[in-house]
Amino acid sequence: MSHPDLFVVSILRALVEVALLSLLGQGAVGLLSGARRAGNPVYRLFQVVTRPVVRLVRWLTPKVVVDRHVPFVAFFLTFWLWIVLAYVKRVLCEGHGLAGC
C-alpha cells in the first residue's frame, strides 16, 4: 500500500470494528445469561476486550451518566466513530484517485 494515510485509517477502522462487535457480543451474551453473566467466561472475555473503550468513555462522559449506561454510550460513540472513519476513508480514496477502495 503506497498511501500511508489510507493505511492508518484502515487500521483504525479495523480496531473500531473489533471494539464495536465486541460491545455488541457482550450485550448479547449479557442478555442471554441474565444475572449470572459475571460468571460466564465468554462474557468475561468480551469484558477484557471492551474494557479500554468503556474506560475511555467513562472518562469522557460526565459523572451524571450512570455506570450501568456507559457501555451503551460506548457502543453508540464507537458506532459513530466507525461511520466517520468510513467517510474519511472514502474521501482519502477519492483524493488519491483509487476506485476500488
Protein backbone atom coordinates (compact mmCIF):
# COMPACT_ATOMS: atom_id res chain seq x y z
CA MET A 1 0.00 0.00 0.00
CA SER A 2 1.65 3.20 -1.14
CA HIS A 3 -0.64 5.59 0.74
CA PRO A 4 0.25 5.59 4.45
CA ASP A 5 -2.68 7.84 5.43
CA LEU A 6 -5.13 5.39 3.92
CA PHE A 7 -3.35 2.54 5.68
CA VAL A 8 -3.61 4.26 9.08
CA VAL A 9 -7.31 4.98 8.60
CA SER A 10 -7.90 1.35 7.59
CA ILE A 11 -6.12 0.10 10.72
CA LEU A 12 -8.09 2.48 12.95
CA ARG A 13 -11.34 1.41 11.32
CA ALA A 14 -10.50 -2.26 11.88
CA LEU A 15 -9.75 -1.64 15.56
CA VAL A 16 -13.01 0.25 15.95
CA GLU A 17 -14.85 -2.63 14.25
CA VAL A 18 -13.36 -5.11 16.73
CA ALA A 19 -14.44 -2.92 19.66
CA LEU A 20 -17.90 -2.39 18.17
CA LEU A 21 -18.53 -6.07 17.55
CA SER A 22 -17.17 -6.97 20.98
CA LEU A 23 -19.54 -4.50 22.64
CA LEU A 24 -22.39 -5.97 20.63
CA GLY A 25 -21.38 -9.52 21.58
CA GLN A 26 -21.04 -8.58 25.22
CA GLY A 27 -24.53 -7.12 25.20
CA ALA A 28 -25.99 -10.21 23.53
CA VAL A 29 -24.30 -12.60 25.96
CA GLY A 30 -25.36 -10.37 28.86
CA LEU A 31 -28.98 -10.52 27.73
CA LEU A 32 -28.89 -14.28 27.25
CA SER A 33 -27.15 -15.12 30.53
CA GLY A 34 -29.08 -12.67 32.71
CA ALA A 35 -27.98 -12.15 36.30
CA ARG A 36 -25.34 -14.91 36.05
CA ARG A 37 -23.36 -13.09 33.36
CA ALA A 38 -20.48 -12.30 35.75
CA GLY A 39 -19.61 -16.00 35.88
CA ASN A 40 -19.89 -16.55 32.13
CA PRO A 41 -16.40 -17.00 30.58
CA VAL A 42 -17.48 -15.63 27.18
CA TYR A 43 -18.91 -12.51 28.83
CA ARG A 44 -15.67 -12.04 30.79
CA LEU A 45 -13.66 -12.37 27.57
CA PHE A 46 -15.77 -9.66 25.95
CA GLN A 47 -15.27 -7.55 29.08
CA VAL A 48 -11.49 -7.80 28.72
CA VAL A 49 -11.66 -6.75 25.05
CA THR A 50 -14.06 -3.84 25.64
CA ARG A 51 -12.55 -2.57 28.90
CA PRO A 52 -10.31 0.11 27.25
CA VAL A 53 -13.23 1.54 25.28
CA VAL A 54 -15.57 1.56 28.27
CA ARG A 55 -12.94 3.21 30.48
CA LEU A 56 -12.28 5.89 27.88
CA VAL A 57 -15.99 6.63 27.56
CA ARG A 58 -16.35 6.70 31.36
CA TRP A 59 -13.55 9.27 31.46
CA LEU A 60 -15.16 11.36 28.69
CA THR A 61 -18.71 11.34 29.99
CA PRO A 62 -19.89 13.46 32.93
CA LYS A 63 -20.47 11.77 36.28
CA VAL A 64 -24.23 12.26 35.79
CA VAL A 65 -24.17 9.27 33.43
CA VAL A 66 -24.77 6.14 35.49
CA ASP A 67 -22.04 3.47 35.27
CA ARG A 68 -24.63 0.96 34.08
CA HIS A 69 -25.27 3.10 30.98
CA VAL A 70 -21.63 3.64 30.00
CA PRO A 71 -21.43 0.51 27.77
CA PHE A 72 -24.46 1.75 25.79
CA VAL A 73 -22.85 5.16 25.35
CA ALA A 74 -19.59 3.44 24.36
CA PHE A 75 -21.43 1.40 21.72
CA PHE A 76 -23.07 4.45 20.14
CA LEU A 77 -19.90 6.56 20.23
CA THR A 78 -17.93 3.69 18.71
CA PHE A 79 -20.59 3.25 16.02
CA TRP A 80 -20.40 6.93 15.04
CA LEU A 81 -16.61 6.82 15.07
CA TRP A 82 -16.81 3.86 12.66
CA ILE A 83 -19.11 5.88 10.37
CA VAL A 84 -16.77 8.90 10.45
CA LEU A 85 -13.75 6.70 9.65
CA ALA A 86 -15.64 5.17 6.71
CA TYR A 87 -16.29 8.67 5.38
CA VAL A 88 -12.64 9.67 5.88
CA LYS A 89 -11.50 6.54 4.07
CA ARG A 90 -13.80 7.31 1.16
CA VAL A 91 -12.53 10.89 0.93
CA LEU A 92 -8.92 9.68 1.00
CA CYS A 93 -9.62 7.10 -1.71
CA GLU A 94 -11.20 9.74 -3.92
CA GLY A 95 -8.32 12.11 -3.20
CA HIS A 96 -5.76 9.52 -4.26
CA GLY A 97 -7.78 8.57 -7.33
CA LEU A 98 -8.42 4.99 -6.20
CA ALA A 99 -11.66 3.49 -7.50
CA GLY A 100 -11.89 0.11 -5.76
CA CYS A 101 -11.31 1.26 -2.19
